[in-house]
Structure formats: structure tokens, C-alpha cells
Amino acid sequence: MKRETDAEDKMVFRSSRFFNQNGKLYFDTREGVHGPFASVEDAEIELSLHLKFIENFGLNGNPSNYELKSH
């Protein structure tokens, strides 16, 4: 996804947001690292919720209406 502040000619390389560290599953966003999660499915659900929150409320949304779960 291109941000309005990104330069037109900037090349972007995308890697997986999910990673395993010391046997625990996490995902990474611009806002930070989230987890650990019990399964890839749990992490995917939480990532989806996180992205929908950012899309709907922006980075300055009211976090009291939204809570990321860690497992």
C-alpha cells in the first residue's frame, strides 16, 4: 500500500509480516510487533482486525474501543 507521503519512484520490497522467535509466533506492523500467538490462524485474525482498525480510525483512533489479544 502506498502512503500519500511516499515518493513516486520508491521501490518497496514486501516480506512476510509473520515471524517465529524463540518458538513463539508474532507479526510486525508499522506500529510495532504484536504477539505471541498460539497459531498462524490466530495471528492472521488479529492482523486483520488491526489493519481494519487502522483503516477505520487511523493511528490516533481511540484504543479503548479496540484491543489486540496476545496468546
PDB file of N, CA and C in Angstrom:
ATOM      1  N   MET A   1       0.842  -1.165   0.000  1.00  0.00           N
ATOM      2  CA  MET A   1       0.000   0.000   0.000  1.00  0.00           C
ATOM      3  C   MET A   1       0.897   1.241   0.000  1.00  0.00           C
ATOM      4  N   LYS A   2       0.599   2.183  -0.874  1.00  0.00           N
ATOM      5  CA  LYS A   2       1.389   3.402  -0.972  1.00  0.00           C
ATOM      6  C   LYS A   2       0.768   4.479  -0.089  1.00  0.00           C
ATOM      7  N   ARG A   3       1.605   5.108   0.706  1.00  0.00           N
ATOM      8  CA  ARG A   3       1.152   6.238   1.522  1.00  0.00           C
ATOM      9  C   ARG A   3       1.241   7.507   0.700  1.00  0.00           C
ATOM     10  N   GLU A   4       0.431   8.504   1.033  1.00  0.00           N
ATOM     11  CA  GLU A   4       0.465   9.787   0.319  1.00  0.00           C
ATOM     12  C   GLU A   4       1.839  10.435   0.396  1.00  0.00           C
ATOM     13  N   THR A   5       2.572  10.177   1.472  1.00  0.00           N
ATOM     14  CA  THR A   5       3.883  10.797   1.659  1.00  0.00           C
ATOM     15  C   THR A   5       5.009  10.038   0.977  1.00  0.00           C
ATOM     16  N   ASP A   6       4.717   8.858   0.398  1.00  0.00           N
ATOM     17  CA  ASP A   6       5.749   8.070  -0.280  1.00  0.00           C
ATOM     18  C   ASP A   6       6.103   8.700  -1.623  1.00  0.00           C
ATOM     19  N   ALA A   7       7.384   8.651  -1.953  1.00  0.00           N
ATOM     20  CA  ALA A   7       7.844   9.153  -3.244  1.00  0.00           C
ATOM     21  C   ALA A   7       7.334   8.238  -4.349  1.00  0.00           C
ATOM     22  N   GLU A   8       7.060   8.824  -5.522  1.00  0.00           N
ATOM     23  CA  GLU A   8       6.548   8.059  -6.650  1.00  0.00           C
ATOM     24  C   GLU A   8       7.501   6.968  -7.101  1.00  0.00           C
ATOM     25  N   ASP A   9       8.803   7.245  -7.097  1.00  0.00           N
ATOM     26  CA  ASP A   9       9.766   6.307  -7.653  1.00  0.00           C
ATOM     27  C   ASP A   9      10.377   5.376  -6.609  1.00  0.00           C
ATOM     28  N   LYS A  10       9.826   5.336  -5.430  1.00  0.00           N
ATOM     29  CA  LYS A  10      10.373   4.494  -4.370  1.00  0.00           C
ATOM     30  C   LYS A  10      10.036   3.031  -4.628  1.00  0.00           C
ATOM     31  N   MET A  11      11.055   2.163  -4.577  1.00  0.00           N
ATOM     32  CA  MET A  11      10.839   0.744  -4.744  1.00  0.00           C
ATOM     33  C   MET A  11      10.597   0.123  -3.373  1.00  0.00           C
ATOM     34  N   VAL A  12       9.545  -0.665  -3.263  1.00  0.00           N
ATOM     35  CA  VAL A  12       9.172  -1.274  -1.992  1.00  0.00           C
ATOM     36  C   VAL A  12       9.285  -2.784  -2.117  1.00  0.00           C
ATOM     37  N   PHE A  13       9.953  -3.405  -1.160  1.00  0.00           N
ATOM     38  CA  PHE A  13      10.040  -4.851  -1.093  1.00  0.00           C
ATOM     39  C   PHE A  13       9.209  -5.315   0.086  1.00  0.00           C
ATOM     40  N   ARG A  14       8.358  -6.293  -0.120  1.00  0.00           N
ATOM     41  CA  ARG A  14       7.463  -6.775   0.917  1.00  0.00           C
ATOM     42  C   ARG A  14       7.904  -8.162   1.381  1.00  0.00           C
ATOM     43  N   SER A  15       7.931  -8.353   2.653  1.00  0.00           N
ATOM     44  CA  SER A  15       8.219  -9.675   3.192  1.00  0.00           C
ATOM     45  C   SER A  15       7.062 -10.064   4.103  1.00  0.00           C
ATOM     46  N   SER A  16       7.072 -11.255   4.574  1.00  0.00           N
ATOM     47  CA  SER A  16       6.006 -11.727   5.441  1.00  0.00           C
ATOM     48  C   SER A  16       5.969 -10.917   6.727  1.00  0.00           C
ATOM     49  N   ARG A  17       4.775 -10.617   7.184  1.00  0.00           N
ATOM     50  CA  ARG A  17       4.615  -9.906   8.458  1.00  0.00           C
ATOM     51  C   ARG A  17       4.770 -10.852   9.633  1.00  0.00           C
ATOM     52  N   PHE A  18       4.668 -12.148   9.386  1.00  0.00           N
ATOM     53  CA  PHE A  18       4.685 -13.142  10.453  1.00  0.00           C
ATOM     54  C   PHE A  18       6.091 -13.689  10.635  1.00  0.00           C
ATOM     55  N   PHE A  19       6.457 -13.882  11.889  1.00  0.00           N
ATOM     56  CA  PHE A  19       7.759 -14.479  12.157  1.00  0.00           C
ATOM     57  C   PHE A  19       7.715 -15.263  13.460  1.00  0.00           C
ATOM     58  N   ASN A  20       8.628 -16.210  13.555  1.00  0.00           N
ATOM     59  CA  ASN A  20       8.735 -17.068  14.720  1.00  0.00           C
ATOM     60  C   ASN A  20      10.026 -16.707  15.444  1.00  0.00           C
ATOM     61  N   GLN A  21       9.900 -16.367  16.719  1.00  0.00           N
ATOM     62  CA  GLN A  21      11.075 -16.026  17.509  1.00  0.00           C
ATOM     63  C   GLN A  21      11.040 -16.835  18.795  1.00  0.00           C
ATOM     64  N   ASN A  22      12.084 -17.623  19.011  1.00  0.00           N
ATOM     65  CA  ASN A  22      12.179 -18.475  20.194  1.00  0.00           C
ATOM     66  C   ASN A  22      10.947 -19.355  20.350  1.00  0.00           C
ATOM     67  N   GLY A  23      10.451 -19.877  19.225  1.00  0.00           N
ATOM     68  CA  GLY A  23       9.304 -20.774  19.255  1.00  0.00           C
ATOM     69  C   GLY A  23       7.965 -20.097  19.428  1.00  0.00           C
ATOM     70  N   LYS A  24       7.925 -18.772  19.366  1.00  0.00           N
ATOM     71  CA  LYS A  24       6.665 -18.030  19.524  1.00  0.00           C
ATOM     72  C   LYS A  24       6.382 -17.243  18.247  1.00  0.00           C
ATOM     73  N   LEU A  25       5.095 -17.170  17.860  1.00  0.00           N
ATOM     74  CA  LEU A  25       4.672 -16.537  16.622  1.00  0.00           C
ATOM     75  C   LEU A  25       4.255 -15.087  16.876  1.00  0.00           C
ATOM     76  N   TYR A  26       4.739 -14.184  16.017  1.00  0.00           N
ATOM     77  CA  TYR A  26       4.444 -12.751  16.105  1.00  0.00           C
ATOM     78  C   TYR A  26       4.141 -12.212  14.715  1.00  0.00           C
ATOM     79  N   PHE A  27       3.558 -10.989  14.668  1.00  0.00           N
ATOM     80  CA  PHE A  27       3.509 -10.273  13.399  1.00  0.00           C
ATOM     81  C   PHE A  27       3.977  -8.852  13.626  1.00  0.00           C
ATOM     82  N   ASP A  28       4.448  -8.251  12.549  1.00  0.00           N
ATOM     83  CA  ASP A  28       5.044  -6.922  12.600  1.00  0.00           C
ATOM     84  C   ASP A  28       4.237  -5.962  11.742  1.00  0.00           C
ATOM     85  N   THR A  29       3.979  -4.769  12.276  1.00  0.00           N
ATOM     86  CA  THR A  29       3.322  -3.695  11.529  1.00  0.00           C
ATOM     87  C   THR A  29       4.142  -2.425  11.723  1.00  0.00           C
ATOM     88  N   ARG A  30       3.747  -1.365  11.047  1.00  0.00           N
ATOM     89  CA  ARG A  30       4.420  -0.072  11.244  1.00  0.00           C
ATOM     90  C   ARG A  30       4.328   0.384  12.689  1.00  0.00           C
ATOM     91  N   GLU A  31       3.275  -0.069  13.374  1.00  0.00           N
ATOM     92  CA  GLU A  31       3.042   0.355  14.753  1.00  0.00           C
ATOM     93  C   GLU A  31       3.819  -0.474  15.764  1.00  0.00           C
ATOM     94  N   GLY A  32       4.419  -1.577  15.330  1.00  0.00           N
ATOM     95  CA  GLY A  32       5.209  -2.390  16.243  1.00  0.00           C
ATOM     96  C   GLY A  32       4.960  -3.877  16.067  1.00  0.00           C
ATOM     97  N   VAL A  33       5.523  -4.642  16.987  1.00  0.00           N
ATOM     98  CA  VAL A  33       5.414  -6.101  16.968  1.00  0.00           C
ATOM     99  C   VAL A  33       4.248  -6.520  17.861  1.00  0.00           C
ATOM    100  N   HIS A  34       3.474  -7.498  17.391  1.00  0.00           N
ATOM    101  CA  HIS A  34       2.299  -7.976  18.120  1.00  0.00           C
ATOM    102  C   HIS A  34       2.420  -9.475  18.341  1.00  0.00           C
ATOM    103  N   GLY A  35       2.033  -9.942  19.522  1.00  0.00           N
ATOM    104  CA  GLY A  35       2.083 -11.363  19.818  1.00  0.00           C
ATOM    105  C   GLY A  35       2.599 -11.586  21.214  1.00  0.00           C
ATOM    106  N   PRO A  36       2.881 -12.793  21.584  1.00  0.00           N
ATOM    107  CA  PRO A  36       2.904 -14.006  20.761  1.00  0.00           C
ATOM    108  C   PRO A  36       1.505 -14.582  20.554  1.00  0.00           C
ATOM    109  N   PHE A  37       1.373 -15.416  19.514  1.00  0.00           N
ATOM    110  CA  PHE A  37       0.115 -16.055  19.159  1.00  0.00           C
ATOM    111  C   PHE A  37       0.290 -17.559  19.153  1.00  0.00           C
ATOM    112  N   ALA A  38      -0.815 -18.266  19.417  1.00  0.00           N
ATOM    113  CA  ALA A  38      -0.788 -19.719  19.507  1.00  0.00           C
ATOM    114  C   ALA A  38      -0.712 -20.386  18.139  1.00  0.00           C
ATOM    115  N   SER A  39      -1.212 -19.699  17.104  1.00  0.00           N
ATOM    116  CA  SER A  39      -1.227 -20.303  15.770  1.00  0.00           C
ATOM    117  C   SER A  39      -1.150 -19.210  14.709  1.00  0.00           C
ATOM    118  N   VAL A  40      -0.840 -19.628  13.492  1.00  0.00           N
ATOM    119  CA  VAL A  40      -0.836 -18.696  12.361  1.00  0.00           C
ATOM    120  C   VAL A  40      -2.237 -18.133  12.164  1.00  0.00           C
ATOM    121  N   GLU A  41      -3.253 -18.970  12.328  1.00  0.00           N
ATOM    122  CA  GLU A  41      -4.632 -18.523  12.157  1.00  0.00           C
ATOM    123  C   GLU A  41      -4.979 -17.417  13.148  1.00  0.00           C
ATOM    124  N   ASP A  42      -4.581 -17.572  14.417  1.00  0.00           N
ATOM    125  CA  ASP A  42      -4.828 -16.530  15.419  1.00  0.00           C
ATOM    126  C   ASP A  42      -4.119 -15.239  15.037  1.00  0.00           C
ATOM    127  N   ALA A  43      -2.878 -15.350  14.587  1.00  0.00           N
ATOM    128  CA  ALA A  43      -2.116 -14.171  14.189  1.00  0.00           C
ATOM    129  C   ALA A  43      -2.756 -13.493  12.989  1.00  0.00           C
ATOM    130  N   GLU A  44      -3.235 -14.277  12.014  1.00  0.00           N
ATOM    131  CA  GLU A  44      -3.877 -13.705  10.829  1.00  0.00           C
ATOM    132  C   GLU A  44      -5.153 -12.959  11.198  1.00  0.00           C
ATOM    133  N   ILE A  45      -5.935 -13.526  12.107  1.00  0.00           N
ATOM    134  CA  ILE A  45      -7.169 -12.868  12.558  1.00  0.00           C
ATOM    135  C   ILE A  45      -6.837 -11.543  13.234  1.00  0.00           C
ATOM    136  N   GLU A  46      -5.872 -11.561  14.130  1.00  0.00           N
ATOM    137  CA  GLU A  46      -5.504 -10.330  14.844  1.00  0.00           C
ATOM    138  C   GLU A  46      -4.923  -9.287  13.898  1.00  0.00           C
ATOM    139  N   LEU A  47      -4.114  -9.721  12.921  1.00  0.00           N
ATOM    140  CA  LEU A  47      -3.585  -8.781  11.937  1.00  0.00           C
ATOM    141  C   LEU A  47      -4.725  -8.158  11.148  1.00  0.00           C
ATOM    142  N   SER A  48      -5.678  -8.949  10.741  1.00  0.00           N
ATOM    143  CA  SER A  48      -6.829  -8.435  10.005  1.00  0.00           C
ATOM    144  C   SER A  48      -7.592  -7.399  10.832  1.00  0.00           C
ATOM    145  N   LEU A  49      -7.826  -7.701  12.106  1.00  0.00           N
ATOM    146  CA  LEU A  49      -8.512  -6.742  12.985  1.00  0.00           C
ATOM    147  C   LEU A  49      -7.693  -5.460  13.148  1.00  0.00           C
ATOM    148  N   HIS A  50      -6.395  -5.614  13.310  1.00  0.00           N
ATOM    149  CA  HIS A  50      -5.515  -4.453  13.473  1.00  0.00           C
ATOM    150  C   HIS A  50      -5.567  -3.556  12.228  1.00  0.00           C
ATOM    151  N   LEU A  51      -5.468  -4.153  11.051  1.00  0.00           N
ATOM    152  CA  LEU A  51      -5.481  -3.373   9.817  1.00  0.00           C
ATOM    153  C   LEU A  51      -6.827  -2.690   9.596  1.00  0.00           C
ATOM    154  N   LYS A  52      -7.928  -3.369   9.948  1.00  0.00           N
ATOM    155  CA  LYS A  52      -9.248  -2.748   9.831  1.00  0.00           C
ATOM    156  C   LYS A  52      -9.378  -1.568  10.788  1.00  0.00           C
ATOM    157  N   PHE A  53      -8.825  -1.705  11.988  1.00  0.00           N
ATOM    158  CA  PHE A  53      -8.856  -0.614  12.951  1.00  0.00           C
ATOM    159  C   PHE A  53      -8.109   0.599  12.402  1.00  0.00           C
ATOM    160  N   ILE A  54      -6.904   0.382  11.897  1.00  0.00           N
ATOM    161  CA  ILE A  54      -6.104   1.480  11.356  1.00  0.00           C
ATOM    162  C   ILE A  54      -6.820   2.122  10.174  1.00  0.00           C
ATOM    163  N   GLU A  55      -7.417   1.295   9.325  1.00  0.00           N
ATOM    164  CA  GLU A  55      -8.150   1.803   8.162  1.00  0.00           C
ATOM    165  C   GLU A  55      -9.331   2.671   8.590  1.00  0.00           C
ATOM    166  N   ASN A  56     -10.049   2.247   9.636  1.00  0.00           N
ATOM    167  CA  ASN A  56     -11.249   2.953  10.069  1.00  0.00           C
ATOM    168  C   ASN A  56     -10.978   4.136  10.988  1.00  0.00           C
ATOM    169  N   PHE A  57      -9.971   4.022  11.849  1.00  0.00           N
ATOM    170  CA  PHE A  57      -9.755   5.034  12.869  1.00  0.00           C
ATOM    171  C   PHE A  57      -8.425   5.756  12.752  1.00  0.00           C
ATOM    172  N   GLY A  58      -7.514   5.276  11.938  1.00  0.00           N
ATOM    173  CA  GLY A  58      -6.199   5.889  11.826  1.00  0.00           C
ATOM    174  C   GLY A  58      -5.356   5.573  13.037  1.00  0.00           C
ATOM    175  N   LEU A  59      -4.152   6.082  13.019  1.00  0.00           N
ATOM    176  CA  LEU A  59      -3.224   5.810  14.118  1.00  0.00           C
ATOM    177  C   LEU A  59      -3.619   6.502  15.403  1.00  0.00           C
ATOM    178  N   ASN A  60      -4.435   7.536  15.324  1.00  0.00           N
ATOM    179  CA  ASN A  60      -4.833   8.280  16.519  1.00  0.00           C
ATOM    180  C   ASN A  60      -6.241   7.920  16.977  1.00  0.00           C
ATOM    181  N   GLY A  61      -6.724   6.747  16.552  1.00  0.00           N
ATOM    182  CA  GLY A  61      -8.051   6.304  16.966  1.00  0.00           C
ATOM    183  C   GLY A  61      -8.098   6.045  18.458  1.00  0.00           C
ATOM    184  N   ASN A  62      -9.294   5.882  18.953  1.00  0.00           N
ATOM    185  CA  ASN A  62      -9.491   5.644  20.375  1.00  0.00           C
ATOM    186  C   ASN A  62      -9.198   4.176  20.693  1.00  0.00           C
ATOM    187  N   PRO A  63      -8.042   3.874  21.302  1.00  0.00           N
ATOM    188  CA  PRO A  63      -7.687   2.481  21.548  1.00  0.00           C
ATOM    189  C   PRO A  63      -8.566   1.800  22.582  1.00  0.00           C
ATOM    190  N   SER A  64      -9.372   2.552  23.321  1.00  0.00           N
ATOM    191  CA  SER A  64     -10.247   1.918  24.306  1.00  0.00           C
ATOM    192  C   SER A  64     -11.354   1.116  23.624  1.00  0.00           C
ATOM    193  N   ASN A  65     -11.597   1.396  22.334  1.00  0.00           N
ATOM    194  CA  ASN A  65     -12.629   0.662  21.588  1.00  0.00           C
ATOM    195  C   ASN A  65     -12.067  -0.549  20.882  1.00  0.00           C
ATOM    196  N   TYR A  66     -10.782  -0.807  21.022  1.00  0.00           N
ATOM    197  CA  TYR A  66     -10.116  -1.873  20.271  1.00  0.00           C
ATOM    198  C   TYR A  66      -9.018  -2.469  21.123  1.00  0.00           C
ATOM    199  N   GLU A  67      -8.915  -3.768  21.111  1.00  0.00           N
ATOM    200  CA  GLU A  67      -7.882  -4.401  21.928  1.00  0.00           C
ATOM    201  C   GLU A  67      -7.263  -5.565  21.158  1.00  0.00           C
ATOM    202  N   LEU A  68      -5.967  -5.517  20.989  1.00  0.00           N
ATOM    203  CA  LEU A  68      -5.250  -6.656  20.399  1.00  0.00           C
ATOM    204  C   LEU A  68      -5.065  -7.715  21.459  1.00  0.00           C
ATOM    205  N   LYS A  69      -5.374  -8.932  21.115  1.00  0.00           N
ATOM    206  CA  LYS A  69      -5.194 -10.034  22.049  1.00  0.00           C
ATOM    207  C   LYS A  69      -3.832 -10.654  21.800  1.00  0.00           C
ATOM    208  N   SER A  70      -3.180 -11.082  22.855  1.00  0.00           N
ATOM    209  CA  SER A  70      -1.985 -11.909  22.692  1.00  0.00           C
ATOM    210  C   SER A  70      -2.266 -13.225  23.387  1.00  0.00           C
ATOM    211  N   HIS A  71      -1.691 -14.261  22.849  1.00  0.00           N
ATOM    212  CA  HIS A  71      -1.969 -15.616  23.350  1.00  0.00           C
ATOM    213  C   HIS A  71      -0.741 -16.214  23.948  1.00  0.00           C
TER     214      HIS A  71
END
